[in-house]
Amino acid sequence: MKLIKLVDLTYHSHLKYTRPGQVMENHAPALAFAPYLKDRLDFMFVKHASFEQHTFIDDIPYHFFRGGNKFWSLSLKTHRFIKKVKPDIILVQGLVFPIQVMFLRLFCGKKIKLIIQHHGELPSTGVKGRLQKIACNMADAFFFTSAGNTTIWKKKNILGHDAHVMEVLEASTSFKPIDKHTSKIYTGITGDTNFIWVGHFNANKDPLTVIAGFEQYIKVKPSARLYMIYQTESLLDLVKKKLALNPALFNAVVLVGKIANEDMPYWFSAADFYLSGSHKEGSGYALLEAMACGCIPIVTAIPSYQKITCGGEYGFLYPVADAHSLANTLISLEKVNRKKLAEEVLAHFSQNLSFKTIADDMVKICSQLMAK
């Protein structure tokens, strides 16, 4: 039986890359589902970079074309190639390439099924917003981590209320849990109630609300520790000032800084709970990595986190920017069977959040689209 031919197309040009391997090295969370499609879909990646090359990585074809990142950038060579391979379905990564999507549809025709995948981006305004609406009207379906993430797009009338939206994770992870005792020795984490926060020190990640909630919690549990791993430092001074005002908080919060990605499984495995204060996320890379290591999530009740945790069944949810609710959630943890819940989180990740899950969802959806 002939396999459905699917082209995964990325218009954004990774101009800093000079060889194909760098793409997999830096974007594995969004790419490593592909080997699970073998013998199930006729699948290939089409990407843009500073070079042109056709190669295989892990037996998956990658086709690189030179491109640019201006709003109107178009690669005629890319579109000629796609038309030549005659795909059944094209999956475009990102809703922020309306001109490219319109040209793709006009160039390749109406017979090809067109899917656009959301990656946390927000709708544009003005002319760009109107072009996004036209492009979305040309698509057959959309991938969102959570249907709740479509709200702003529908409110802006860019995505139709009857749009064919399917919930598909945009990423996963290959992280595995490591023995907790070994991980604690490796990281230097001590104590019996340890929390980890991972992200940028910025307003969206909202470390100040997390710290404020944790401050209330340590009045009840002074031995608890919060380890904060961060990549950017825009709010670092404010964080330090907050910690300096309370000696107990200063001792309980450890500003770790940057950690190599290969070391992160040790940190997630050593900690008991993963904390997040995010106001919005397309999915939640750090959350997925934490859950893959059995670290129990305590995260904001945003659509993607609700989807990933099954409405808090596998973890805990609290309202965005609500330090008091977070504190109450933390205080309630004394009643939780940590070992049992950590095992359930691990099982949930394996069954519903893995790269294989993404591949299974894609195969199912492609079959449904082609059956129409």
Protein backbone atom coordinates (compact mmCIF):
# COMPACT_ATOMS: atom_id res chain seq x y z
CA MET A 1 0.00 0.00 0.00
CA LYS A 2 1.28 3.44 -0.93
CA LEU A 3 2.31 5.53 2.04
CA ILE A 4 0.97 9.05 2.53
CA LYS A 5 3.70 11.52 1.57
CA LEU A 6 4.21 14.27 4.15
CA VAL A 7 6.57 17.26 3.86
CA ASP A 8 7.43 19.04 7.12
CA LEU A 9 8.28 22.58 5.99
CA THR A 10 10.05 25.26 8.03
CA TYR A 11 10.26 28.73 6.48
CA HIS A 12 12.36 30.28 9.25
CA SER A 13 16.01 30.31 8.15
CA HIS A 14 18.60 29.20 10.69
CA LEU A 15 21.32 31.37 9.23
CA LYS A 16 23.82 30.68 12.02
CA TYR A 17 24.01 27.00 11.08
CA THR A 18 26.66 25.85 8.62
CA ARG A 19 25.98 22.10 8.59
CA PRO A 20 22.89 19.86 8.88
CA GLY A 21 23.96 18.23 12.15
CA GLN A 22 23.59 21.52 13.99
CA VAL A 23 19.86 21.47 13.33
CA MET A 24 19.38 18.15 15.10
CA GLU A 25 21.76 19.12 17.88
CA ASN A 26 19.79 22.29 18.64
CA HIS A 27 16.25 21.27 17.75
CA ALA A 28 15.99 17.62 18.78
CA PRO A 29 12.88 18.25 20.96
CA ALA A 30 10.96 19.27 17.84
CA LEU A 31 12.47 16.75 15.40
CA ALA A 32 13.08 13.43 17.16
CA PHE A 33 9.56 12.15 16.51
CA ALA A 34 10.48 11.49 12.87
CA PRO A 35 12.11 8.04 13.24
CA TYR A 36 8.82 6.75 14.68
CA LEU A 37 7.19 7.51 11.32
CA LYS A 38 9.35 4.97 9.48
CA ASP A 39 7.28 2.64 7.30
CA ARG A 40 4.15 4.54 8.35
CA LEU A 41 4.48 7.77 6.35
CA ASP A 42 6.68 8.80 3.41
CA PHE A 43 8.19 11.65 5.41
CA MET A 44 10.81 14.38 4.83
CA PHE A 45 11.95 17.67 6.34
CA VAL A 46 12.38 20.79 4.18
CA LYS A 47 14.28 23.54 5.98
CA HIS A 48 15.99 26.87 5.34
CA ALA A 49 19.50 27.83 6.41
CA SER A 50 22.64 29.57 5.15
CA PHE A 51 23.54 26.59 2.95
CA GLU A 52 21.94 24.16 0.53
CA GLN A 53 22.25 20.42 1.06
CA HIS A 54 20.26 17.20 0.73
CA THR A 55 21.11 14.57 3.31
CA PHE A 56 19.84 11.92 5.72
CA ILE A 57 19.92 12.16 9.52
CA ASP A 58 18.80 9.03 11.40
CA ASP A 59 17.47 7.69 8.07
CA ILE A 60 15.20 10.72 7.65
CA PRO A 61 15.65 12.91 4.54
CA TYR A 62 16.50 16.54 5.21
CA HIS A 63 16.47 19.07 2.37
CA PHE A 64 18.09 22.42 3.12
CA PHE A 65 17.60 25.51 0.96
CA ARG A 66 19.05 28.98 1.34
CA GLY A 67 16.54 31.45 2.68
CA GLY A 68 16.02 34.75 4.47
CA ASN A 69 13.99 35.87 7.45
CA LYS A 70 12.27 38.96 6.11
CA PHE A 71 8.48 38.92 6.25
CA TRP A 72 8.23 38.58 2.48
CA SER A 73 11.19 36.20 1.94
CA LEU A 74 10.40 33.52 -0.63
CA SER A 75 12.51 30.72 -2.05
CA LEU A 76 11.25 29.74 -5.47
CA LYS A 77 13.71 26.83 -5.50
CA THR A 78 12.14 25.44 -2.32
CA HIS A 79 8.65 25.55 -3.77
CA ARG A 80 9.73 24.00 -7.06
CA PHE A 81 11.28 21.13 -5.11
CA ILE A 82 8.16 20.59 -3.02
CA LYS A 83 5.92 20.62 -6.09
CA LYS A 84 8.24 18.12 -7.79
CA VAL A 85 8.08 15.56 -4.94
CA LYS A 86 4.25 15.69 -5.11
CA PRO A 87 3.38 15.48 -1.41
CA ASP A 88 -0.08 14.55 -0.22
CA ILE A 89 0.23 16.77 2.85
CA ILE A 90 2.44 19.74 3.74
CA LEU A 91 2.92 20.66 7.40
CA VAL A 92 4.09 24.28 7.75
CA GLN A 93 5.81 25.14 11.02
CA GLY A 94 4.46 28.40 12.44
CA LEU A 95 1.50 30.69 11.79
CA VAL A 96 3.69 33.72 11.11
CA PHE A 97 4.52 33.10 7.44
CA PRO A 98 1.31 34.16 5.64
CA ILE A 99 2.89 35.34 2.39
CA GLN A 100 4.86 32.10 2.11
CA VAL A 101 1.78 29.99 2.86
CA MET A 102 -0.32 31.85 0.29
CA PHE A 103 2.37 31.36 -2.35
CA LEU A 104 2.72 27.68 -1.37
CA ARG A 105 -0.99 27.08 -1.82
CA LEU A 106 -1.16 28.90 -5.15
CA PHE A 107 2.03 27.25 -6.42
CA CYS A 108 1.25 23.67 -5.37
CA GLY A 109 -2.51 23.69 -5.94
CA LYS A 110 -5.62 22.86 -3.95
CA LYS A 111 -5.27 19.06 -4.03
CA ILE A 112 -2.48 19.08 -1.45
CA LYS A 113 -3.66 19.07 2.14
CA LEU A 114 -2.13 21.96 4.08
CA ILE A 115 -1.61 21.93 7.87
CA ILE A 116 -0.12 24.79 9.90
CA GLN A 117 1.41 24.14 13.33
CA HIS A 118 1.37 26.69 16.13
CA HIS A 119 4.55 27.25 18.18
CA GLY A 120 3.42 29.76 20.78
CA GLU A 121 3.42 32.79 18.47
CA LEU A 122 0.74 35.47 18.82
CA PRO A 123 -1.41 37.02 16.07
CA SER A 124 -0.11 40.04 14.22
CA THR A 125 -2.00 43.30 13.83
CA GLY A 126 -2.69 45.54 10.86
CA VAL A 127 -1.76 44.33 7.39
CA LYS A 128 0.19 41.34 8.73
CA GLY A 129 -2.85 40.24 10.70
CA ARG A 130 -5.07 40.47 7.63
CA LEU A 131 -2.56 38.43 5.64
CA GLN A 132 -2.50 35.81 8.39
CA LYS A 133 -6.28 35.52 8.14
CA ILE A 134 -6.08 34.96 4.36
CA ALA A 135 -3.35 32.34 4.82
CA CYS A 136 -5.28 30.53 7.56
CA ASN A 137 -8.33 30.39 5.30
CA MET A 138 -6.18 28.49 2.81
CA ALA A 139 -5.21 25.77 5.31
CA ASP A 140 -7.07 22.50 5.80
CA ALA A 141 -6.13 21.98 9.45
CA PHE A 142 -4.09 23.32 12.35
CA PHE A 143 -1.95 21.73 15.06
CA PHE A 144 -2.02 23.31 18.53
CA THR A 145 -0.64 21.77 21.71
CA SER A 146 -3.93 22.77 23.34
CA ALA A 147 -7.14 23.94 21.73
CA GLY A 148 -7.16 26.63 24.41
CA ASN A 149 -4.24 28.30 22.63
CA THR A 150 -6.53 29.10 19.70
CA THR A 151 -8.61 31.56 21.77
CA ILE A 152 -6.58 34.66 20.94
CA TRP A 153 -6.43 33.68 17.25
CA LYS A 154 -10.21 33.29 17.07
CA LYS A 155 -10.79 36.44 19.09
CA LYS A 156 -8.72 38.38 16.53
CA ASN A 157 -10.81 36.71 13.79
CA ILE A 158 -7.68 35.33 12.13
CA LEU A 159 -8.60 31.72 12.80
CA GLY A 160 -12.19 30.82 11.96
CA HIS A 161 -14.39 29.47 14.75
CA ASP A 162 -15.00 26.38 12.61
CA ALA A 163 -11.28 25.85 11.87
CA HIS A 164 -10.18 22.22 11.93
CA VAL A 165 -7.93 22.29 15.02
CA MET A 166 -6.20 19.19 16.40
CA GLU A 167 -4.19 18.89 19.58
CA VAL A 168 -0.66 17.70 18.79
CA LEU A 169 2.42 18.31 20.92
CA GLU A 170 5.01 20.51 19.23
CA ALA A 171 7.89 18.83 21.07
CA SER A 172 8.96 16.17 23.53
CA THR A 173 12.23 15.01 25.07
CA SER A 174 14.58 12.05 25.29
CA PHE A 175 15.37 12.74 28.96
CA LYS A 176 15.21 9.74 31.29
CA PRO A 177 15.07 9.65 35.10
CA ILE A 178 18.34 9.11 36.95
CA ASP A 179 18.64 7.57 40.42
CA LYS A 180 17.65 10.29 42.92
CA HIS A 181 20.52 9.63 45.34
CA THR A 182 23.05 9.74 42.48
CA SER A 183 21.44 12.93 41.12
CA LYS A 184 21.55 14.67 44.49
CA ILE A 185 25.24 13.94 44.85
CA TYR A 186 25.92 15.15 41.29
CA THR A 187 23.96 18.41 41.68
CA GLY A 188 24.64 19.13 45.32
CA ILE A 189 20.92 19.29 46.06
CA THR A 190 20.21 18.40 49.70
CA GLY A 191 17.14 18.12 51.90
CA ASP A 192 13.93 16.16 51.52
CA THR A 193 11.65 18.73 49.83
CA ASN A 194 13.27 20.27 46.79
CA PHE A 195 11.81 22.39 44.02
CA ILE A 196 13.32 23.36 40.67
CA TRP A 197 12.44 26.33 38.46
CA VAL A 198 13.85 26.55 34.91
CA GLY A 199 13.46 29.43 32.49
CA HIS A 200 14.32 32.98 31.56
CA PHE A 201 14.22 35.66 34.22
CA ASN A 202 11.56 37.66 32.40
CA ALA A 203 7.98 38.82 32.95
CA ASN A 204 6.37 35.91 31.07
CA LYS A 205 8.17 33.27 33.14
CA ASP A 206 7.33 35.36 36.23
CA PRO A 207 9.97 34.20 38.73
CA LEU A 208 8.87 36.90 41.19
CA THR A 209 5.42 35.33 41.69
CA VAL A 210 7.04 31.94 42.18
CA ILE A 211 9.41 33.37 44.79
CA ALA A 212 6.58 35.23 46.52
CA GLY A 213 4.56 32.04 46.80
CA PHE A 214 7.57 30.09 47.99
CA GLU A 215 8.26 32.78 50.60
CA GLN A 216 4.85 32.14 52.18
CA TYR A 217 5.42 28.38 52.03
CA ILE A 218 8.75 28.32 53.90
CA LYS A 219 7.03 29.85 56.92
CA VAL A 220 5.40 26.41 57.22
CA LYS A 221 8.25 24.35 55.71
CA PRO A 222 11.53 26.22 56.42
CA SER A 223 13.65 23.26 55.31
CA ALA A 224 12.34 23.40 51.71
CA ARG A 225 14.70 24.56 48.96
CA LEU A 226 14.07 26.17 45.58
CA TYR A 227 16.77 25.86 42.91
CA MET A 228 16.45 28.37 40.06
CA ILE A 229 18.15 27.62 36.73
CA TYR A 230 18.01 30.53 34.30
CA GLN A 231 19.39 31.52 30.91
CA THR A 232 18.65 35.25 30.73
CA GLU A 233 18.90 37.78 33.53
CA SER A 234 16.56 40.71 32.81
CA LEU A 235 14.83 40.34 36.20
CA LEU A 236 17.86 39.06 38.10
CA ASP A 237 18.43 42.30 40.03
CA LEU A 238 14.80 42.36 41.17
CA VAL A 239 15.04 38.71 42.20
CA LYS A 240 18.17 39.37 44.23
CA LYS A 241 16.56 42.40 45.93
CA LYS A 242 13.54 40.26 46.84
CA LEU A 243 15.76 37.58 48.36
CA ALA A 244 17.86 40.12 50.26
CA LEU A 245 14.80 41.40 52.13
CA ASN A 246 14.18 38.08 53.86
CA PRO A 247 17.11 36.07 55.34
CA ALA A 248 15.02 32.88 55.46
CA LEU A 249 14.10 33.27 51.80
CA PHE A 250 17.71 34.10 50.90
CA ASN A 251 18.82 30.81 52.46
CA ALA A 252 16.00 28.79 50.89
CA VAL A 253 16.39 29.96 47.27
CA VAL A 254 19.50 28.93 45.33
CA LEU A 255 20.27 30.93 42.18
CA VAL A 256 22.02 28.24 40.15
CA GLY A 257 22.33 30.08 36.83
CA LYS A 258 23.08 28.29 33.57
CA ILE A 259 23.35 24.51 33.39
CA ALA A 260 24.44 22.43 30.37
CA ASN A 261 21.50 20.67 28.74
CA GLU A 262 23.09 17.24 29.18
CA ASP A 263 23.16 17.82 32.95
CA MET A 264 19.52 18.76 33.28
CA PRO A 265 18.23 15.18 33.81
CA TYR A 266 20.29 15.10 37.02
CA TRP A 267 18.64 18.30 38.28
CA PHE A 268 15.11 17.20 37.38
CA SER A 269 15.73 13.76 38.93
CA ALA A 270 17.22 15.22 42.12
CA ALA A 271 14.29 17.61 42.67
CA ASP A 272 10.88 16.51 43.88
CA PHE A 273 8.76 19.20 42.23
CA TYR A 274 8.99 21.39 39.13
CA LEU A 275 7.69 24.97 39.53
CA SER A 276 6.60 27.33 36.77
CA GLY A 277 4.99 30.78 36.77
CA SER A 278 4.55 31.14 32.99
CA HIS A 279 1.79 33.42 31.70
CA LYS A 280 1.76 31.76 28.27
CA GLU A 281 3.50 28.88 26.50
CA GLY A 282 3.09 27.17 23.15
CA SER A 283 3.74 23.90 24.93
CA GLY A 284 6.36 23.81 27.70
CA TYR A 285 9.75 22.26 26.96
CA ALA A 286 11.06 22.41 30.55
CA LEU A 287 7.78 21.00 31.88
CA LEU A 288 8.03 18.02 29.52
CA GLU A 289 11.67 17.46 30.48
CA ALA A 290 10.81 17.56 34.17
CA MET A 291 7.93 15.10 33.81
CA ALA A 292 10.14 12.76 31.76
CA CYS A 293 12.37 12.52 34.85
CA GLY A 294 9.52 11.97 37.29
CA CYS A 295 9.60 15.51 38.67
CA ILE A 296 6.08 16.45 39.79
CA PRO A 297 4.81 19.67 38.14
CA ILE A 298 3.29 22.63 39.98
CA VAL A 299 2.47 25.01 37.15
CA THR A 300 0.14 27.78 36.04
CA ALA A 301 -3.29 26.86 34.68
CA ILE A 302 -2.55 28.01 31.11
CA PRO A 303 -3.99 25.96 28.22
CA SER A 304 -0.81 24.07 27.26
CA TYR A 305 -0.03 23.14 30.87
CA GLN A 306 -3.62 22.02 31.42
CA LYS A 307 -3.29 19.78 28.37
CA ILE A 308 0.09 18.33 29.34
CA THR A 309 -0.91 17.60 32.96
CA CYS A 310 -4.44 16.43 32.06
CA GLY A 311 -6.04 19.27 33.97
CA GLY A 312 -3.75 18.80 36.95
CA GLU A 313 -4.32 15.05 37.28
CA TYR A 314 -0.57 14.61 36.90
CA GLY A 315 0.62 17.54 38.97
CA PHE A 316 -0.91 20.73 40.31
CA LEU A 317 -2.29 23.88 38.67
CA TYR A 318 -2.66 27.38 40.09
CA PRO A 319 -3.86 30.70 38.60
CA VAL A 320 -1.37 32.87 36.73
CA ALA A 321 0.34 35.54 38.89
CA ASP A 322 -1.37 34.28 42.07
CA ALA A 323 1.35 33.85 44.70
CA HIS A 324 -1.16 33.12 47.46
CA SER A 325 -2.76 30.24 45.53
CA LEU A 326 0.70 28.90 44.78
CA ALA A 327 1.59 29.03 48.49
CA ASN A 328 -1.59 27.15 49.39
CA THR A 329 -0.78 24.51 46.78
CA LEU A 330 2.73 24.10 48.17
CA ILE A 331 1.43 23.79 51.73
CA SER A 332 -0.98 21.04 50.63
CA LEU A 333 1.91 18.91 49.36
CA GLU A 334 2.44 17.42 52.83
CA LYS A 335 -0.56 15.18 52.14
CA VAL A 336 0.82 13.94 48.80
CA ASN A 337 2.34 10.49 48.26
CA ARG A 338 5.32 11.81 46.29
CA LYS A 339 6.69 8.44 45.21
CA LYS A 340 3.34 7.27 43.85
CA LEU A 341 2.60 10.54 42.06
CA ALA A 342 6.11 10.69 40.55
CA GLU A 343 5.60 7.18 39.16
CA GLU A 344 2.23 8.22 37.72
CA VAL A 345 3.81 11.30 36.12
CA LEU A 346 6.46 9.10 34.51
CA ALA A 347 3.86 6.66 33.19
CA HIS A 348 1.74 9.52 31.83
CA PHE A 349 4.73 10.99 30.02
CA SER A 350 5.64 7.64 28.47
CA GLN A 351 2.10 6.90 27.32
CA ASN A 352 0.94 10.35 26.22
CA LEU A 353 3.79 12.86 25.84
CA SER A 354 6.62 11.00 24.12
CA PHE A 355 8.02 11.34 20.60
CA LYS A 356 6.16 8.15 19.70
CA THR A 357 2.91 9.79 20.79
CA ILE A 358 3.55 12.72 18.45
CA ALA A 359 4.26 10.32 15.58
CA ASP A 360 1.15 8.25 16.34
CA ASP A 361 -1.01 11.39 16.36
CA MET A 362 0.45 12.56 13.05
CA VAL A 363 -0.17 9.20 11.34
CA LYS A 364 -3.75 9.12 12.58
CA ILE A 365 -4.47 12.71 11.53
CA CYS A 366 -2.89 12.31 8.09
CA SER A 367 -5.01 9.22 7.45
CA GLN A 368 -8.14 11.11 8.47
CA LEU A 369 -7.31 14.07 6.23
CA MET A 370 -6.63 11.89 3.21
CA ALA A 371 -9.87 9.97 3.77
CA LYS A 372 -11.91 13.16 3.33
